[in-house]
PDB file of N, CA and C in Angstrom:
ATOM      1  N   UNK A   1      -8.527  15.514   4.345  1.00  0.00           N
ATOM      2  CA  UNK A   1      -7.041  15.430   3.974  1.00  0.00           C
ATOM      3  C   UNK A   1      -6.369  14.964   4.938  1.00  0.00           C
ATOM      4  N   UNK A   2      -5.081  14.144   4.351  1.00  0.00           N
ATOM      5  CA  UNK A   2      -4.712  13.714   5.512  1.00  0.00           C
ATOM      6  C   UNK A   2      -2.748  14.469   5.116  1.00  0.00           C
ATOM      7  N   UNK A   3      -1.885  14.327   5.937  1.00  0.00           N
ATOM      8  CA  UNK A   3      -0.479  14.561   5.963  1.00  0.00           C
ATOM      9  C   UNK A   3       0.188  13.435   5.304  1.00  0.00           C
ATOM     10  N   UNK A   4       0.073  12.252   5.412  1.00  0.00           N
ATOM     11  CA  UNK A   4       0.418  11.165   5.345  1.00  0.00           C
ATOM     12  C   UNK A   4       0.232  10.586   3.797  1.00  0.00           C
ATOM     13  N   UNK A   5       0.730  10.545   3.058  1.00  0.00           N
ATOM     14  CA  UNK A   5       0.696   9.633   1.673  1.00  0.00           C
ATOM     15  C   UNK A   5       0.624   8.162   1.689  1.00  0.00           C
ATOM     16  N   UNK A   6      -1.044   7.814   1.452  1.00  0.00           N
ATOM     17  CA  UNK A   6      -1.076   6.013   1.470  1.00  0.00           C
ATOM     18  C   UNK A   6      -2.169   5.989   0.468  1.00  0.00           C
ATOM     19  N   UNK A   7      -1.474   4.371   0.594  1.00  0.00           N
ATOM     20  CA  UNK A   7      -3.091   3.594  -0.733  1.00  0.00           C
ATOM     21  C   UNK A   7      -2.613   2.588  -0.099  1.00  0.00           C
ATOM     22  N   UNK A   8      -3.281   1.352  -1.159  1.00  0.00           N
ATOM     23  CA  UNK A   8      -3.326  -0.072  -0.468  1.00  0.00           C
ATOM     24  C   UNK A   8      -3.836  -0.718  -2.251  1.00  0.00           C
ATOM     25  N   UNK A   9      -3.106  -1.841  -1.949  1.00  0.00           N
ATOM     26  CA  UNK A   9      -2.762  -3.335  -2.788  1.00  0.00           C
ATOM     27  C   UNK A   9      -3.164  -4.264  -2.926  1.00  0.00           C
ATOM     28  N   UNK A  10      -4.370  -4.669  -3.591  1.00  0.00           N
ATOM     29  CA  UNK A  10      -4.878  -6.157  -3.330  1.00  0.00           C
ATOM     30  C   UNK A  10      -4.011  -7.169  -3.371  1.00  0.00           C
ATOM     31  N   UNK A  11      -4.238  -8.209  -2.375  1.00  0.00           N
ATOM     32  CA  UNK A  11      -3.704  -9.494  -2.143  1.00  0.00           C
ATOM     33  C   UNK A  11      -4.596 -10.723  -1.590  1.00  0.00           C
ATOM     34  N   UNK A  12      -4.211 -11.941  -1.864  1.00  0.00           N
ATOM     35  CA  UNK A  12      -4.687 -12.873  -0.848  1.00  0.00           C
ATOM     36  C   UNK A  12      -3.735 -13.344   0.131  1.00  0.00           C
ATOM     37  N   UNK A  13      -4.789 -13.971   1.200  1.00  0.00           N
ATOM     38  CA  UNK A  13      -3.954 -14.562   2.028  1.00  0.00           C
ATOM     39  C   UNK A  13      -3.807 -16.018   2.200  1.00  0.00           C
ATOM     40  N   UNK A  14      -3.535 -16.769   2.986  1.00  0.00           N
ATOM     41  CA  UNK A  14      -2.731 -18.136   2.757  1.00  0.00           C
ATOM     42  C   UNK A  14      -4.101 -18.868   2.351  1.00  0.00           C
ATOM     43  N   UNK A  15      -5.507 -18.565   2.642  1.00  0.00           N
ATOM     44  CA  UNK A  15      -6.519 -19.632   2.184  1.00  0.00           C
ATOM     45  C   UNK A  15      -7.136 -18.880   1.236  1.00  0.00           C
ATOM     46  N   UNK A  16      -6.554 -17.974   0.321  1.00  0.00           N
ATOM     47  CA  UNK A  16      -7.282 -17.361  -0.393  1.00  0.00           C
ATOM     48  C   UNK A  16      -8.461 -16.182  -0.678  1.00  0.00           C
ATOM     49  N   UNK A  17      -8.525 -15.527   0.402  1.00  0.00           N
ATOM     50  CA  UNK A  17      -9.686 -14.439   0.709  1.00  0.00           C
ATOM     51  C   UNK A  17      -8.660 -13.199   0.395  1.00  0.00           C
ATOM     52  N   UNK A  18      -9.374 -12.413  -0.458  1.00  0.00           N
ATOM     53  CA  UNK A  18      -9.207 -11.231  -0.573  1.00  0.00           C
ATOM     54  C   UNK A  18      -8.967 -10.337   0.457  1.00  0.00           C
ATOM     55  N   UNK A  19      -7.907  -9.485   0.327  1.00  0.00           N
ATOM     56  CA  UNK A  19      -7.332  -8.908   1.484  1.00  0.00           C
ATOM     57  C   UNK A  19      -6.300  -7.544   1.073  1.00  0.00           C
ATOM     58  N   UNK A  20      -5.670  -6.640   1.872  1.00  0.00           N
ATOM     59  CA  UNK A  20      -5.324  -5.605   1.394  1.00  0.00           C
ATOM     60  C   UNK A  20      -4.013  -4.951   1.627  1.00  0.00           C
ATOM     61  N   UNK A  21      -2.927  -4.908   1.513  1.00  0.00           N
ATOM     62  CA  UNK A  21      -1.428  -4.516   1.546  1.00  0.00           C
ATOM     63  C   UNK A  21      -1.912  -3.045   1.655  1.00  0.00           C
ATOM     64  N   UNK A  22      -1.485  -2.172   3.084  1.00  0.00           N
ATOM     65  CA  UNK A  22      -1.467  -0.837   2.900  1.00  0.00           C
ATOM     66  C   UNK A  22      -0.057  -0.524   3.166  1.00  0.00           C
ATOM     67  N   UNK A  23       0.042   0.737   2.225  1.00  0.00           N
ATOM     68  CA  UNK A  23       1.251   1.184   2.292  1.00  0.00           C
ATOM     69  C   UNK A  23       1.421   2.835   2.304  1.00  0.00           C
ATOM     70  N   UNK A  24       1.947   3.434   2.903  1.00  0.00           N
ATOM     71  CA  UNK A  24       2.150   4.540   3.812  1.00  0.00           C
ATOM     72  C   UNK A  24       3.742   5.118   3.821  1.00  0.00           C
ATOM     73  N   UNK A  25       4.121   6.561   3.578  1.00  0.00           N
ATOM     74  CA  UNK A  25       5.102   7.360   4.293  1.00  0.00           C
ATOM     75  C   UNK A  25       5.072   7.138   5.435  1.00  0.00           C
ATOM     76  N   UNK A  26       5.997   7.032   5.863  1.00  0.00           N
ATOM     77  CA  UNK A  26       6.656   6.938   7.558  1.00  0.00           C
ATOM     78  C   UNK A  26       7.804   7.690   7.811  1.00  0.00           C
ATOM     79  N   UNK A  27       7.987   7.836   8.793  1.00  0.00           N
ATOM     80  CA  UNK A  27       9.283   8.812   9.428  1.00  0.00           C
ATOM     81  C   UNK A  27      10.796   8.431   8.643  1.00  0.00           C
ATOM     82  N   UNK A  28      10.575   7.091   8.321  1.00  0.00           N
ATOM     83  CA  UNK A  28      12.172   6.249   7.995  1.00  0.00           C
ATOM     84  C   UNK A  28      11.823   6.034   6.635  1.00  0.00           C
ATOM     85  N   UNK A  29      10.872   5.930   6.054  1.00  0.00           N
ATOM     86  CA  UNK A  29      10.890   5.801   4.209  1.00  0.00           C
ATOM     87  C   UNK A  29       9.582   5.363   3.930  1.00  0.00           C
ATOM     88  N   UNK A  30       8.854   4.000   3.836  1.00  0.00           N
ATOM     89  CA  UNK A  30       7.826   3.183   3.174  1.00  0.00           C
ATOM     90  C   UNK A  30       7.161   2.366   4.179  1.00  0.00           C
ATOM     91  N   UNK A  31       6.230   2.587   4.561  1.00  0.00           N
ATOM     92  CA  UNK A  31       5.618   1.192   5.347  1.00  0.00           C
ATOM     93  C   UNK A  31       4.865   0.473   4.747  1.00  0.00           C
ATOM     94  N   UNK A  32       4.655  -1.089   4.912  1.00  0.00           N
ATOM     95  CA  UNK A  32       3.662  -1.636   4.602  1.00  0.00           C
ATOM     96  C   UNK A  32       3.166  -2.735   5.497  1.00  0.00           C
ATOM     97  N   UNK A  33       1.687  -2.837   5.647  1.00  0.00           N
ATOM     98  CA  UNK A  33       1.248  -3.163   6.442  1.00  0.00           C
ATOM     99  C   UNK A  33       0.447  -4.134   6.049  1.00  0.00           C
ATOM    100  N   UNK A  34       0.493  -5.346   6.423  1.00  0.00           N
ATOM    101  CA  UNK A  34       0.336  -6.718   5.732  1.00  0.00           C
ATOM    102  C   UNK A  34      -1.143  -7.157   6.613  1.00  0.00           C
ATOM    103  N   UNK A  35      -2.094  -7.833   6.082  1.00  0.00           N
ATOM    104  CA  UNK A  35      -3.524  -8.332   6.995  1.00  0.00           C
ATOM    105  C   UNK A  35      -2.709  -8.824   8.197  1.00  0.00           C
ATOM    106  N   UNK A  36      -3.656  -8.708   9.496  1.00  0.00           N
ATOM    107  CA  UNK A  36      -2.487  -9.305  10.946  1.00  0.00           C
ATOM    108  C   UNK A  36      -2.412 -10.653  10.732  1.00  0.00           C
ATOM    109  N   UNK A  37      -1.446 -10.815  11.101  1.00  0.00           N
ATOM    110  CA  UNK A  37      -1.342 -12.403  10.991  1.00  0.00           C
ATOM    111  C   UNK A  37      -1.323 -13.210   9.916  1.00  0.00           C
ATOM    112  N   UNK A  38      -1.178 -12.595   9.007  1.00  0.00           N
ATOM    113  CA  UNK A  38      -1.837 -13.225   7.690  1.00  0.00           C
ATOM    114  C   UNK A  38      -0.182 -13.264   6.341  1.00  0.00           C
ATOM    115  N   UNK A  39      -0.456 -14.123   5.641  1.00  0.00           N
ATOM    116  CA  UNK A  39       0.970 -14.102   4.639  1.00  0.00           C
ATOM    117  C   UNK A  39       0.172 -13.442   3.353  1.00  0.00           C
ATOM    118  N   UNK A  40       0.670 -12.457   2.506  1.00  0.00           N
ATOM    119  CA  UNK A  40       0.034 -11.994   1.633  1.00  0.00           C
ATOM    120  C   UNK A  40       0.611 -12.090   0.234  1.00  0.00           C
ATOM    121  N   UNK A  41      -0.364 -12.719  -0.654  1.00  0.00           N
ATOM    122  CA  UNK A  41       0.200 -13.337  -1.721  1.00  0.00           C
ATOM    123  C   UNK A  41      -0.198 -12.405  -3.189  1.00  0.00           C
ATOM    124  N   UNK A  42       0.641 -11.297  -3.399  1.00  0.00           N
ATOM    125  CA  UNK A  42       0.792 -10.392  -4.544  1.00  0.00           C
ATOM    126  C   UNK A  42       0.619 -10.960  -5.751  1.00  0.00           C
ATOM    127  N   UNK A  43      -0.191 -11.236  -6.701  1.00  0.00           N
ATOM    128  CA  UNK A  43      -0.305 -11.491  -7.948  1.00  0.00           C
ATOM    129  C   UNK A  43       0.574 -10.581  -9.159  1.00  0.00           C
ATOM    130  N   UNK A  44       0.715 -11.046 -10.289  1.00  0.00           N
ATOM    131  CA  UNK A  44       1.129 -10.120 -11.336  1.00  0.00           C
ATOM    132  C   UNK A  44       0.878  -8.553 -11.722  1.00  0.00           C
ATOM    133  N   UNK A  45      -0.497  -8.796 -11.824  1.00  0.00           N
ATOM    134  CA  UNK A  45      -1.136  -7.186 -11.462  1.00  0.00           C
ATOM    135  C   UNK A  45      -1.044  -6.215 -10.293  1.00  0.00           C
ATOM    136  N   UNK A  46      -0.767  -6.906  -9.076  1.00  0.00           N
ATOM    137  CA  UNK A  46      -0.939  -6.155  -8.127  1.00  0.00           C
ATOM    138  C   UNK A  46       0.907  -5.972  -7.807  1.00  0.00           C
ATOM    139  N   UNK A  47       1.532  -7.113  -8.554  1.00  0.00           N
ATOM    140  CA  UNK A  47       3.043  -6.186  -8.253  1.00  0.00           C
ATOM    141  C   UNK A  47       3.151  -5.158  -8.682  1.00  0.00           C
ATOM    142  N   UNK A  48       2.729  -4.621 -10.265  1.00  0.00           N
ATOM    143  CA  UNK A  48       3.069  -3.681 -10.655  1.00  0.00           C
ATOM    144  C   UNK A  48       2.501  -2.682 -10.073  1.00  0.00           C
ATOM    145  N   UNK A  49       0.763  -2.516  -9.158  1.00  0.00           N
ATOM    146  CA  UNK A  49       0.443  -1.424  -8.469  1.00  0.00           C
ATOM    147  C   UNK A  49       1.374  -1.114  -7.016  1.00  0.00           C
ATOM    148  N   UNK A  50       1.994  -2.197  -6.703  1.00  0.00           N
ATOM    149  CA  UNK A  50       2.828  -2.287  -5.536  1.00  0.00           C
ATOM    150  C   UNK A  50       3.952  -1.657  -5.511  1.00  0.00           C
ATOM    151  N   UNK A  51       4.315  -1.698  -6.956  1.00  0.00           N
ATOM    152  CA  UNK A  51       5.636  -1.185  -7.422  1.00  0.00           C
ATOM    153  C   UNK A  51       5.862   0.539  -7.973  1.00  0.00           C
ATOM    154  N   UNK A  52       4.325   0.831  -8.024  1.00  0.00           N
ATOM    155  CA  UNK A  52       3.843   2.082  -8.748  1.00  0.00           C
ATOM    156  C   UNK A  52       3.611   2.598  -6.808  1.00  0.00           C
ATOM    157  N   UNK A  53       3.131   2.247  -6.387  1.00  0.00           N
ATOM    158  CA  UNK A  53       2.901   2.876  -4.767  1.00  0.00           C
ATOM    159  C   UNK A  53       4.095   2.884  -4.273  1.00  0.00           C
ATOM    160  N   UNK A  54       4.774   2.014  -4.350  1.00  0.00           N
ATOM    161  CA  UNK A  54       6.366   2.362  -3.519  1.00  0.00           C
ATOM    162  C   UNK A  54       7.132   3.325  -4.373  1.00  0.00           C
ATOM    163  N   UNK A  55       7.117   3.167  -5.165  1.00  0.00           N
ATOM    164  CA  UNK A  55       7.675   4.506  -6.439  1.00  0.00           C
ATOM    165  C   UNK A  55       7.338   5.871  -6.013  1.00  0.00           C
ATOM    166  N   UNK A  56       6.011   6.105  -6.223  1.00  0.00           N
ATOM    167  CA  UNK A  56       5.244   7.561  -5.416  1.00  0.00           C
ATOM    168  C   UNK A  56       4.849   7.811  -4.055  1.00  0.00           C
ATOM    169  N   UNK A  57       5.315   6.971  -3.247  1.00  0.00           N
ATOM    170  CA  UNK A  57       5.792   6.999  -1.375  1.00  0.00           C
ATOM    171  C   UNK A  57       7.070   7.454  -1.176  1.00  0.00           C
ATOM    172  N   UNK A  58       8.364   6.932  -2.126  1.00  0.00           N
ATOM    173  CA  UNK A  58       9.562   6.862  -2.091  1.00  0.00           C
ATOM    174  C   UNK A  58       9.493   8.451  -2.663  1.00  0.00           C
ATOM    175  N   UNK A  59       9.276   8.818  -3.704  1.00  0.00           N
ATOM    176  CA  UNK A  59       9.164  10.190  -4.140  1.00  0.00           C
ATOM    177  C   UNK A  59       8.935  11.231  -3.194  1.00  0.00           C
ATOM    178  N   UNK A  60       7.729  10.681  -2.602  1.00  0.00           N
ATOM    179  CA  UNK A  60       6.752  12.270  -1.798  1.00  0.00           C
ATOM    180  C   UNK A  60       7.676  12.484  -0.720  1.00  0.00           C
ATOM    181  N   UNK A  61       7.461  13.812  -0.695  1.00  0.00           N
ATOM    182  CA  UNK A  61       7.783  14.469   0.611  1.00  0.00           C
ATOM    183  C   UNK A  61       7.501  14.169   1.921  1.00  0.00           C
ATOM    184  N   UNK A  62       7.420  14.088   3.427  1.00  0.00           N
ATOM    185  CA  UNK A  62       7.115  14.039   4.422  1.00  0.00           C
ATOM    186  C   UNK A  62       5.328  14.742   4.375  1.00  0.00           C
ATOM    187  N   UNK A  63       5.179  15.768   3.465  1.00  0.00           N
ATOM    188  CA  UNK A  63       4.069  16.554   3.680  1.00  0.00           C
ATOM    189  C   UNK A  63       3.292  16.382   2.519  1.00  0.00           C
ATOM    190  N   UNK A  64       3.273  15.628   2.235  1.00  0.00           N
ATOM    191  CA  UNK A  64       2.738  15.145   0.538  1.00  0.00           C
ATOM    192  C   UNK A  64       1.521  14.457   1.303  1.00  0.00           C
ATOM    193  N   UNK A  65       0.389  14.135   0.016  1.00  0.00           N
ATOM    194  CA  UNK A  65      -0.559  13.664   0.150  1.00  0.00           C
ATOM    195  C   UNK A  65      -1.509  13.346  -1.351  1.00  0.00           C
ATOM    196  N   UNK A  66      -2.284  12.742  -1.124  1.00  0.00           N
ATOM    197  CA  UNK A  66      -3.238  12.191  -2.583  1.00  0.00           C
ATOM    198  C   UNK A  66      -4.506  12.054  -2.165  1.00  0.00           C
ATOM    199  N   UNK A  67      -5.557  13.115  -2.598  1.00  0.00           N
ATOM    200  CA  UNK A  67      -6.634  13.170  -2.486  1.00  0.00           C
ATOM    201  C   UNK A  67      -7.756  12.020  -3.175  1.00  0.00           C
ATOM    202  N   UNK A  68      -8.677  11.400  -3.046  1.00  0.00           N
ATOM    203  CA  UNK A  68      -9.520  10.743  -2.973  1.00  0.00           C
ATOM    204  C   UNK A  68      -8.977   9.687  -3.638  1.00  0.00           C
ATOM    205  N   UNK A  69      -7.559   8.879  -3.315  1.00  0.00           N
ATOM    206  CA  UNK A  69      -6.950   7.786  -3.581  1.00  0.00           C
ATOM    207  C   UNK A  69      -6.325   7.364  -2.748  1.00  0.00           C
ATOM    208  N   UNK A  70      -7.253   7.020  -1.534  1.00  0.00           N
ATOM    209  CA  UNK A  70      -7.144   5.972  -0.429  1.00  0.00           C
ATOM    210  C   UNK A  70      -7.690   4.763   0.070  1.00  0.00           C
ATOM    211  N   UNK A  71      -8.812   4.749  -0.997  1.00  0.00           N
ATOM    212  CA  UNK A  71      -9.913   3.618  -1.223  1.00  0.00           C
ATOM    213  C   UNK A  71      -8.661   2.196  -1.634  1.00  0.00           C
ATOM    214  N   UNK A  72      -9.151   0.892  -1.170  1.00  0.00           N
ATOM    215  CA  UNK A  72      -8.531  -0.204  -2.174  1.00  0.00           C
ATOM    216  C   UNK A  72      -9.545  -0.206  -3.576  1.00  0.00           C
ATOM    217  N   UNK A  73      -8.653  -0.543  -4.442  1.00  0.00           N
ATOM    218  CA  UNK A  73      -9.712  -0.745  -5.628  1.00  0.00           C
ATOM    219  C   UNK A  73      -9.607  -2.377  -5.924  1.00  0.00           C
TER     220      UNK A  73
END
């Protein structure tokens, strides 16, 4: 278990390879980590996933955690 709430949202890089955006709580709010040196293209389905994760992370306190929901889907 972790004291940081985090998750992943699927995306594609500039040449069409499947990658993941990582989203996590940070001291200042929400952190989004994109693939290193990449452009992340997020499709319609993934936009909804990203919106849900951002809402969950923004609403969570700094001591919140999610069990079993850390892997990319």
